[in-house]
Amino acid sequence: MKNNLKILFVDDDIALLQSIRRYVRLKHKEWNCKFSNSGEEALKILSQMQFDFIISDMRMPQMDGSQLLRKVKEKYPATIRFILSGQTEQKSFIRAVGSMHQFLTKPCDMDTLKNTIARSISMRDLINNDQLKNCLLNVDSLPGIPEIYFELVDALQSDESTVEIIGEIISQDVGLTAKILQVANSSFFGSPQKVSTPAQAVHILGFEFIQVLALGYKTLLKPVSAKKDREIIESIWKHSLNVSQLALKLAKRENLSSVDENFCFTAGLLHDIGKIIALENFPEKYHDYLSELKEDNNTLQIEKKIFGSSLSEVGAYLLTLWGLPDPIVEAVGYHKNPSKCISKSTSPLTFVHIANALDEENISDSRFESFKNLDLEYLKEAGITESLFNEYEDLKESISKIE
């Protein structure tokens, strides 16, 4: 973790602030912490120095946590924003969704808080462009396909809809999937396990909450206006669906657990989320990137040249900020270059990496060496052999069926 993290704690419970102060003094002298018992005072402190994190209670007099974080987002966009609260009403939580990165419940074990802070910035140092880094801190939603949103609204109003039907509709939109998983993985809902699929999220949140969230999401939804950009989004979406289905097929073929199968599916769906972020926030650079790809297919080199980081790392950083499960973040962040990942064992990353190469290249030869985008050294260490491709023609056919 980066040394000398600057963290501002805001809570009207003086005893809690004193407890956190003692913990920091004993265990984390490398943290530079300030403490405030009101939103107004917190804003004054923020005007005097820059902070990496603000961690605020929700229920405070005069200015509550959601109001405070909304102001922080507007005035101090480089600060990561957490809510740490006990009793919070659903309406307050919904109001905070657009301005907070994560929600933690009281009582919160300090080691849990420490790990959450560390995890949320674990990918930050890989982003070598400060403008891009700060941009990611202010992403509250991603460009979506309005037709899918309206299909979701109609399905939520139908008596015949099931959890599976609603989950399947959500999974057709990359941005909506990421947002629903951010909310479902919040400790506000108290799920003992990380939520890895849209269907699981629907089961935990319930139809009524999904309806409320969908109404809020409509205000965040960024429709793609330019026809050219919409075509790019739809191309990314189609490729992402292909990769998610292929990764799931490969995971089933290798007899992974149902938990890992779910991670494979969702990581495949979200693996190119960094491209959507780049297109939405830096459209000119993204079109330059596409132009250069026509001349040179060294994707990673071109991404680092234009954006300062790989777009896989960009997507992974956003998902860590939003608190999505580690196997999904790992697969998104390293699917182009899995050898950079510390773990070399078979994991969802393995199958998202293979599925991405299969769909991008879609060639007739099933030998490993035929795929330019496969990391052969990594696959060897992960114990993957060419026997996985024995039914390669079936995999190719599954791609065409998805398309």
Protein backbone atom coordinates (compact mmCIF):
# COMPACT_ATOMS: atom_id res chain seq x y z
CA MET A 1 0.00 0.00 0.00
CA LYS A 2 1.14 3.50 -0.74
CA ASN A 3 2.80 5.15 2.28
CA ASN A 4 1.37 8.26 3.90
CA LEU A 5 -2.16 7.78 2.70
CA LYS A 6 -4.18 10.84 3.63
CA ILE A 7 -7.56 9.81 5.04
CA LEU A 8 -10.34 12.03 6.37
CA PHE A 9 -12.81 10.35 8.76
CA VAL A 10 -16.15 12.12 9.26
CA ASP A 11 -18.64 11.08 11.95
CA ASP A 12 -20.74 12.84 14.57
CA ASP A 13 -19.93 10.00 17.00
CA ILE A 14 -16.94 11.44 18.88
CA ALA A 15 -16.25 8.15 20.68
CA LEU A 16 -15.96 6.31 17.34
CA LEU A 17 -13.54 8.91 15.98
CA GLN A 18 -11.41 8.57 19.11
CA SER A 19 -11.38 4.79 18.70
CA ILE A 20 -10.22 5.09 15.08
CA ARG A 21 -7.61 7.65 16.13
CA ARG A 22 -6.17 5.21 18.71
CA TYR A 23 -6.10 2.38 16.17
CA VAL A 24 -4.29 4.51 13.60
CA ARG A 25 -1.77 5.74 16.18
CA LEU A 26 -0.95 2.17 17.26
CA LYS A 27 -1.19 0.23 13.99
CA HIS A 28 -0.91 2.63 11.06
CA LYS A 29 1.48 5.44 11.76
CA GLU A 30 2.06 5.67 8.01
CA TRP A 31 -1.51 6.95 7.58
CA ASN A 32 -1.95 10.69 7.77
CA CYS A 33 -5.46 11.00 9.21
CA LYS A 34 -7.72 13.91 10.04
CA PHE A 35 -11.00 13.68 11.91
CA SER A 36 -14.18 15.73 11.66
CA ASN A 37 -17.57 15.49 13.38
CA SER A 38 -19.62 17.30 10.70
CA GLY A 39 -19.91 17.69 6.95
CA GLU A 40 -19.32 21.43 7.12
CA GLU A 41 -16.08 21.01 9.06
CA ALA A 42 -14.97 18.23 6.69
CA LEU A 43 -15.33 20.54 3.68
CA LYS A 44 -13.19 23.17 5.43
CA ILE A 45 -10.47 20.58 6.08
CA LEU A 46 -10.64 19.41 2.46
CA SER A 47 -10.13 22.99 1.28
CA GLN A 48 -6.80 23.06 3.13
CA MET A 49 -5.20 19.79 1.97
CA GLN A 50 -5.73 16.99 -0.53
CA PHE A 51 -6.88 13.56 0.70
CA ASP A 52 -6.69 10.11 -0.86
CA PHE A 53 -9.84 8.98 0.98
CA ILE A 54 -12.84 10.41 2.74
CA ILE A 55 -14.74 7.92 4.92
CA SER A 56 -18.00 9.37 6.17
CA ASP A 57 -20.95 8.35 8.31
CA MET A 58 -24.33 8.57 6.60
CA ARG A 59 -26.65 9.84 9.34
CA MET A 60 -25.37 13.22 10.51
CA PRO A 61 -27.28 16.42 11.35
CA GLN A 62 -27.45 19.33 8.87
CA MET A 63 -25.46 17.56 6.13
CA ASP A 64 -25.69 13.78 5.78
CA GLY A 65 -23.10 11.51 4.21
CA SER A 66 -24.65 11.38 0.74
CA GLN A 67 -24.85 15.19 0.59
CA LEU A 68 -21.26 15.49 1.78
CA LEU A 69 -19.88 12.99 -0.73
CA ARG A 70 -21.79 14.66 -3.55
CA LYS A 71 -20.04 17.94 -2.69
CA VAL A 72 -16.68 16.17 -2.37
CA LYS A 73 -17.17 14.58 -5.79
CA GLU A 74 -17.83 18.01 -7.31
CA LYS A 75 -15.07 19.96 -5.54
CA TYR A 76 -12.39 17.34 -4.83
CA PRO A 77 -12.73 14.71 -7.57
CA ALA A 78 -9.34 13.08 -6.84
CA THR A 79 -10.59 11.74 -3.48
CA ILE A 80 -11.92 8.18 -3.06
CA ARG A 81 -15.29 8.25 -1.27
CA PHE A 82 -16.58 5.64 1.22
CA ILE A 83 -19.64 5.57 3.44
CA LEU A 84 -19.16 3.87 6.84
CA SER A 85 -22.51 3.77 8.56
CA GLY A 86 -24.81 1.75 10.78
CA GLN A 87 -28.51 2.39 10.37
CA THR A 88 -29.11 3.67 6.86
CA GLU A 89 -32.45 3.88 5.12
CA GLN A 90 -32.81 2.48 1.63
CA LYS A 91 -33.65 5.92 0.21
CA SER A 92 -30.45 7.37 1.66
CA PHE A 93 -28.42 4.50 0.23
CA ILE A 94 -29.93 5.04 -3.24
CA ARG A 95 -29.12 8.76 -3.04
CA ALA A 96 -25.50 7.93 -2.26
CA VAL A 97 -25.00 5.38 -5.06
CA GLY A 98 -23.94 8.02 -7.58
CA SER A 99 -21.36 9.67 -5.32
CA MET A 100 -19.82 6.88 -3.22
CA HIS A 101 -17.41 4.19 -4.31
CA GLN A 102 -18.19 1.72 -1.52
CA PHE A 103 -20.50 1.34 1.47
CA LEU A 104 -19.29 -0.31 4.69
CA THR A 105 -21.51 -1.10 7.66
CA LYS A 106 -20.91 -0.43 11.35
CA PRO A 107 -19.60 -2.03 13.39
CA CYS A 108 -16.69 -2.45 10.99
CA ASP A 109 -13.64 -4.38 12.09
CA MET A 110 -10.62 -2.13 11.60
CA ASP A 111 -8.68 -4.85 9.81
CA THR A 112 -11.57 -5.11 7.35
CA LEU A 113 -11.43 -1.36 6.80
CA LYS A 114 -7.66 -1.52 6.33
CA ASN A 115 -7.96 -4.33 3.77
CA THR A 116 -10.76 -2.54 1.91
CA ILE A 117 -8.68 0.61 1.65
CA ALA A 118 -5.64 -1.36 0.45
CA ARG A 119 -7.67 -3.34 -2.07
CA SER A 120 -9.39 -0.29 -3.53
CA ILE A 121 -6.04 1.23 -4.55
CA SER A 122 -4.26 -2.02 -5.42
CA MET A 123 -4.51 -1.25 -9.15
CA ARG A 124 -4.01 2.51 -8.84
CA ASP A 125 -0.25 2.60 -9.34
CA LEU A 126 -0.65 0.77 -12.67
CA ILE A 127 -2.44 3.84 -14.08
CA ASN A 128 0.32 6.20 -15.20
CA ASN A 129 -1.94 9.00 -16.38
CA ASP A 130 -3.20 11.31 -13.61
CA GLN A 131 -6.01 12.68 -15.79
CA LEU A 132 -7.23 9.15 -16.45
CA LYS A 133 -6.80 8.18 -12.79
CA ASN A 134 -8.91 11.12 -11.60
CA CYS A 135 -11.46 10.47 -14.33
CA LEU A 136 -11.99 6.94 -13.02
CA LEU A 137 -12.76 8.26 -9.53
CA ASN A 138 -15.74 10.11 -10.99
CA VAL A 139 -17.24 7.40 -13.16
CA ASP A 140 -20.69 6.71 -11.69
CA SER A 141 -22.12 4.85 -14.68
CA LEU A 142 -21.17 3.75 -18.17
CA PRO A 143 -22.72 4.24 -21.60
CA GLY A 144 -25.58 1.83 -22.00
CA ILE A 145 -28.01 0.60 -24.60
CA PRO A 146 -31.39 2.27 -23.87
CA GLU A 147 -33.34 -0.59 -25.48
CA ILE A 148 -31.98 -2.99 -22.85
CA TYR A 149 -32.84 -0.57 -20.06
CA PHE A 150 -36.45 -0.30 -21.26
CA GLU A 151 -36.63 -4.08 -21.68
CA LEU A 152 -35.54 -4.38 -18.04
CA VAL A 153 -38.20 -1.90 -16.87
CA ASP A 154 -40.92 -3.80 -18.76
CA ALA A 155 -39.75 -7.15 -17.37
CA LEU A 156 -39.73 -5.81 -13.81
CA GLN A 157 -43.40 -4.89 -14.21
CA SER A 158 -44.37 -8.32 -15.55
CA ASP A 159 -45.80 -10.97 -13.22
CA GLU A 160 -44.17 -13.67 -15.35
CA SER A 161 -40.59 -12.47 -14.84
CA THR A 162 -38.20 -14.55 -12.75
CA VAL A 163 -34.84 -13.82 -11.14
CA GLU A 164 -33.17 -15.62 -14.05
CA ILE A 165 -35.03 -13.56 -16.68
CA ILE A 166 -34.16 -10.25 -15.00
CA GLY A 167 -30.54 -11.35 -14.51
CA GLU A 168 -30.25 -12.34 -18.16
CA ILE A 169 -31.54 -8.95 -19.32
CA ILE A 170 -29.08 -7.12 -17.06
CA SER A 171 -26.20 -9.27 -18.35
CA GLN A 172 -26.83 -7.99 -21.88
CA ASP A 173 -25.51 -4.56 -20.86
CA VAL A 174 -21.91 -4.32 -19.62
CA GLY A 175 -22.37 -1.01 -17.79
CA LEU A 176 -25.61 -2.04 -16.11
CA THR A 177 -24.02 -5.32 -14.99
CA ALA A 178 -21.08 -3.51 -13.40
CA LYS A 179 -23.36 -1.04 -11.59
CA ILE A 180 -25.73 -3.72 -10.26
CA LEU A 181 -22.77 -5.76 -8.98
CA GLN A 182 -21.27 -2.69 -7.30
CA VAL A 183 -24.52 -2.20 -5.38
CA ALA A 184 -25.07 -5.88 -4.58
CA ASN A 185 -21.53 -6.28 -3.24
CA SER A 186 -22.05 -3.43 -0.80
CA SER A 187 -22.11 -4.53 2.82
CA PHE A 188 -25.41 -2.60 3.07
CA PHE A 189 -27.09 -5.86 1.99
CA GLY A 190 -25.08 -8.09 4.30
CA SER A 191 -24.36 -10.87 1.81
CA PRO A 192 -21.86 -13.31 3.38
CA GLN A 193 -20.32 -14.04 -0.03
CA LYS A 194 -19.22 -11.88 -2.91
CA VAL A 195 -21.91 -11.51 -5.58
CA SER A 196 -20.58 -12.59 -8.96
CA THR A 197 -23.51 -12.62 -11.43
CA PRO A 198 -26.47 -10.37 -12.27
CA ALA A 199 -28.90 -13.16 -11.33
CA GLN A 200 -27.32 -13.47 -7.88
CA ALA A 201 -27.55 -9.69 -7.53
CA VAL A 202 -31.26 -9.74 -8.40
CA HIS A 203 -31.85 -12.51 -5.84
CA ILE A 204 -30.15 -10.47 -3.09
CA LEU A 205 -31.56 -7.06 -3.99
CA GLY A 206 -35.09 -8.17 -4.88
CA PHE A 207 -37.34 -6.94 -7.69
CA GLU A 208 -38.60 -3.92 -5.76
CA PHE A 209 -35.11 -2.62 -5.05
CA ILE A 210 -34.01 -3.31 -8.64
CA GLN A 211 -36.97 -1.20 -9.80
CA VAL A 212 -35.93 1.68 -7.54
CA LEU A 213 -32.32 1.31 -8.64
CA ALA A 214 -33.37 1.20 -12.30
CA LEU A 215 -35.18 4.52 -11.92
CA GLY A 216 -32.05 6.01 -10.36
CA TYR A 217 -29.88 4.41 -13.03
CA LYS A 218 -31.95 6.09 -15.74
CA THR A 219 -30.70 9.46 -14.49
CA LEU A 220 -27.12 8.14 -14.59
CA LEU A 221 -27.51 6.32 -17.92
CA LYS A 222 -25.33 7.88 -20.57
CA PRO A 223 -26.90 7.20 -23.96
CA VAL A 224 -24.48 6.99 -26.86
CA SER A 225 -25.42 9.81 -29.21
CA ALA A 226 -22.94 9.49 -32.09
CA LYS A 227 -23.84 6.67 -34.47
CA LYS A 228 -20.18 5.76 -34.89
CA ASP A 229 -19.66 5.49 -31.12
CA ARG A 230 -22.82 3.44 -30.71
CA GLU A 231 -21.50 0.98 -33.29
CA ILE A 232 -18.25 0.73 -31.32
CA ILE A 233 -20.15 0.13 -28.05
CA GLU A 234 -22.29 -2.55 -29.69
CA SER A 235 -19.16 -4.22 -31.10
CA ILE A 236 -17.56 -4.28 -27.63
CA TRP A 237 -20.83 -5.56 -26.18
CA LYS A 238 -21.08 -8.39 -28.74
CA HIS A 239 -17.45 -9.41 -28.19
CA SER A 240 -17.97 -9.30 -24.41
CA LEU A 241 -21.00 -11.59 -24.62
CA ASN A 242 -19.01 -14.01 -26.78
CA VAL A 243 -16.11 -14.06 -24.34
CA SER A 244 -18.39 -14.56 -21.33
CA GLN A 245 -20.12 -17.54 -22.96
CA LEU A 246 -16.86 -19.07 -24.18
CA ALA A 247 -15.14 -18.63 -20.81
CA LEU A 248 -18.10 -20.35 -19.16
CA LYS A 249 -17.94 -23.25 -21.65
CA LEU A 250 -14.22 -23.68 -21.04
CA ALA A 251 -14.70 -23.56 -17.27
CA LYS A 252 -17.39 -26.25 -17.44
CA ARG A 253 -15.15 -28.39 -19.65
CA GLU A 254 -12.40 -28.19 -17.02
CA ASN A 255 -14.87 -28.97 -14.20
CA LEU A 256 -14.38 -25.75 -12.29
CA SER A 257 -16.61 -25.11 -9.29
CA SER A 258 -19.93 -23.36 -9.87
CA VAL A 259 -18.51 -20.32 -8.04
CA ASP A 260 -15.58 -20.08 -10.46
CA GLU A 261 -17.89 -20.69 -13.42
CA ASN A 262 -19.88 -17.62 -12.36
CA PHE A 263 -16.69 -15.59 -12.03
CA CYS A 264 -15.65 -16.70 -15.54
CA PHE A 265 -18.97 -15.61 -17.02
CA THR A 266 -19.04 -12.17 -15.38
CA ALA A 267 -15.33 -11.47 -15.88
CA GLY A 268 -15.77 -12.29 -19.56
CA LEU A 269 -18.70 -9.90 -19.72
CA LEU A 270 -16.71 -7.08 -18.08
CA HIS A 271 -13.23 -7.77 -19.48
CA ASP A 272 -13.29 -4.85 -21.96
CA ILE A 273 -14.97 -2.33 -19.68
CA GLY A 274 -11.82 -0.18 -19.87
CA LYS A 275 -12.49 0.39 -23.58
CA ILE A 276 -15.96 1.71 -22.81
CA ILE A 277 -14.53 4.06 -20.17
CA ALA A 278 -11.92 5.34 -22.63
CA LEU A 279 -14.45 5.88 -25.43
CA GLU A 280 -16.84 7.73 -23.13
CA ASN A 281 -14.26 10.03 -21.53
CA PHE A 282 -11.57 10.37 -24.20
CA PRO A 283 -13.37 9.86 -27.54
CA GLU A 284 -10.72 11.53 -29.71
CA LYS A 285 -7.93 9.47 -28.18
CA TYR A 286 -10.02 6.33 -28.54
CA HIS A 287 -10.56 6.95 -32.25
CA ASP A 288 -6.81 7.57 -32.61
CA TYR A 289 -6.28 4.24 -30.86
CA LEU A 290 -8.57 2.44 -33.32
CA SER A 291 -6.78 4.08 -36.25
CA GLU A 292 -3.37 2.94 -35.01
CA LEU A 293 -4.66 -0.60 -34.49
CA LYS A 294 -5.32 -0.80 -38.23
CA GLU A 295 -1.59 -0.26 -38.85
CA ASP A 296 -0.19 -2.22 -35.90
CA ASN A 297 -2.00 -4.88 -33.85
CA ASN A 298 0.24 -4.53 -30.78
CA THR A 299 -2.72 -3.58 -28.61
CA LEU A 300 -0.92 -3.15 -25.28
CA GLN A 301 1.83 -0.99 -26.75
CA ILE A 302 -0.65 1.32 -28.49
CA GLU A 303 -2.85 1.60 -25.39
CA LYS A 304 0.11 2.61 -23.24
CA LYS A 305 1.29 5.07 -25.86
CA ILE A 306 -2.09 6.81 -26.14
CA PHE A 307 -3.59 6.40 -22.65
CA GLY A 308 -0.50 5.84 -20.49
CA SER A 309 -1.83 2.47 -19.29
CA SER A 310 -3.46 -0.62 -20.69
CA LEU A 311 -7.24 -0.36 -20.92
CA SER A 312 -7.49 -3.70 -19.10
CA GLU A 313 -5.84 -2.07 -16.07
CA VAL A 314 -8.17 0.91 -16.40
CA GLY A 315 -11.21 -1.37 -16.19
CA ALA A 316 -9.76 -3.34 -13.30
CA TYR A 317 -9.08 -0.19 -11.28
CA LEU A 318 -12.68 0.96 -11.62
CA LEU A 319 -13.93 -2.46 -10.50
CA THR A 320 -11.66 -2.43 -7.43
CA LEU A 321 -13.00 1.02 -6.55
CA TRP A 322 -16.51 -0.40 -6.86
CA GLY A 323 -15.69 -3.40 -4.66
CA LEU A 324 -16.24 -6.22 -7.15
CA PRO A 325 -14.79 -9.66 -6.29
CA ASP A 326 -11.04 -10.22 -6.71
CA PRO A 327 -11.31 -13.06 -9.30
CA ILE A 328 -13.30 -10.75 -11.59
CA VAL A 329 -10.89 -7.84 -11.11
CA GLU A 330 -7.88 -10.10 -11.71
CA ALA A 331 -9.35 -11.54 -14.92
CA VAL A 332 -10.28 -8.09 -16.24
CA GLY A 333 -6.91 -6.55 -15.37
CA TYR A 334 -4.65 -9.27 -16.75
CA HIS A 335 -6.63 -10.99 -19.51
CA LYS A 336 -4.31 -9.57 -22.19
CA ASN A 337 -1.12 -10.29 -20.28
CA PRO A 338 -1.80 -12.99 -17.64
CA SER A 339 1.90 -13.54 -16.90
CA LYS A 340 1.84 -10.22 -15.00
CA CYS A 341 -0.52 -11.79 -12.46
CA ILE A 342 1.24 -13.14 -9.36
CA SER A 343 -0.83 -16.32 -9.29
CA LYS A 344 -0.13 -18.78 -12.10
CA SER A 345 -2.69 -21.39 -11.09
CA THR A 346 -5.81 -22.11 -13.14
CA SER A 347 -8.41 -19.44 -12.41
CA PRO A 348 -11.14 -17.41 -14.13
CA LEU A 349 -8.30 -15.32 -15.60
CA THR A 350 -7.08 -18.40 -17.48
CA PHE A 351 -10.36 -18.98 -19.27
CA VAL A 352 -11.13 -15.32 -19.97
CA HIS A 353 -7.65 -15.03 -21.51
CA ILE A 354 -8.26 -18.06 -23.75
CA ALA A 355 -11.84 -17.04 -24.62
CA ASN A 356 -10.71 -13.55 -25.59
CA ALA A 357 -8.05 -14.96 -27.95
CA LEU A 358 -10.54 -17.41 -29.46
CA ASP A 359 -13.09 -14.72 -30.21
CA GLU A 360 -10.62 -12.08 -31.39
CA GLU A 361 -8.77 -14.36 -33.78
CA ASN A 362 -11.36 -17.03 -34.67
CA ILE A 363 -8.89 -18.92 -36.88
CA SER A 364 -9.12 -22.41 -38.35
CA ASP A 365 -6.03 -23.97 -36.73
CA SER A 366 -6.54 -25.22 -33.17
CA ARG A 367 -2.85 -25.40 -32.21
CA PHE A 368 -1.75 -23.09 -29.39
CA GLU A 369 0.99 -21.59 -31.55
CA SER A 370 -1.59 -20.40 -34.08
CA PHE A 371 -3.02 -17.88 -31.63
CA LYS A 372 -0.89 -14.73 -31.52
CA ASN A 373 -2.69 -13.44 -28.43
CA LEU A 374 -2.24 -16.53 -26.25
CA ASP A 375 0.36 -16.32 -23.48
CA LEU A 376 1.83 -19.80 -23.96
CA GLU A 377 4.25 -19.59 -21.03
CA TYR A 378 1.44 -18.66 -18.66
CA LEU A 379 -0.84 -21.43 -19.97
CA LYS A 380 1.94 -23.97 -19.48
CA GLU A 381 2.44 -22.85 -15.86
CA ALA A 382 -1.33 -22.97 -15.31
CA GLY A 383 -1.36 -26.58 -16.51
CA ILE A 384 -3.45 -25.92 -19.62
CA THR A 385 -2.69 -28.20 -22.56
CA GLU A 386 -3.91 -28.34 -26.14
CA SER A 387 -6.37 -31.05 -25.12
CA LEU A 388 -8.61 -28.18 -24.05
CA PHE A 389 -9.01 -27.42 -27.76
CA ASN A 390 -9.97 -30.96 -28.81
CA GLU A 391 -13.47 -29.73 -29.53
CA TYR A 392 -12.26 -26.50 -31.08
CA GLU A 393 -14.74 -26.66 -33.96
CA ASP A 394 -17.59 -26.78 -31.43
CA LEU A 395 -16.17 -23.69 -29.74
CA LYS A 396 -15.97 -21.88 -33.07
CA GLU A 397 -19.55 -22.85 -33.81
CA SER A 398 -20.64 -21.52 -30.42
CA ILE A 399 -19.10 -18.16 -31.34
CA SER A 400 -21.15 -17.95 -34.53
CA LYS A 401 -24.32 -18.90 -32.64
CA ILE A 402 -23.78 -16.11 -30.13
CA GLU A 403 -23.23 -13.62 -32.93
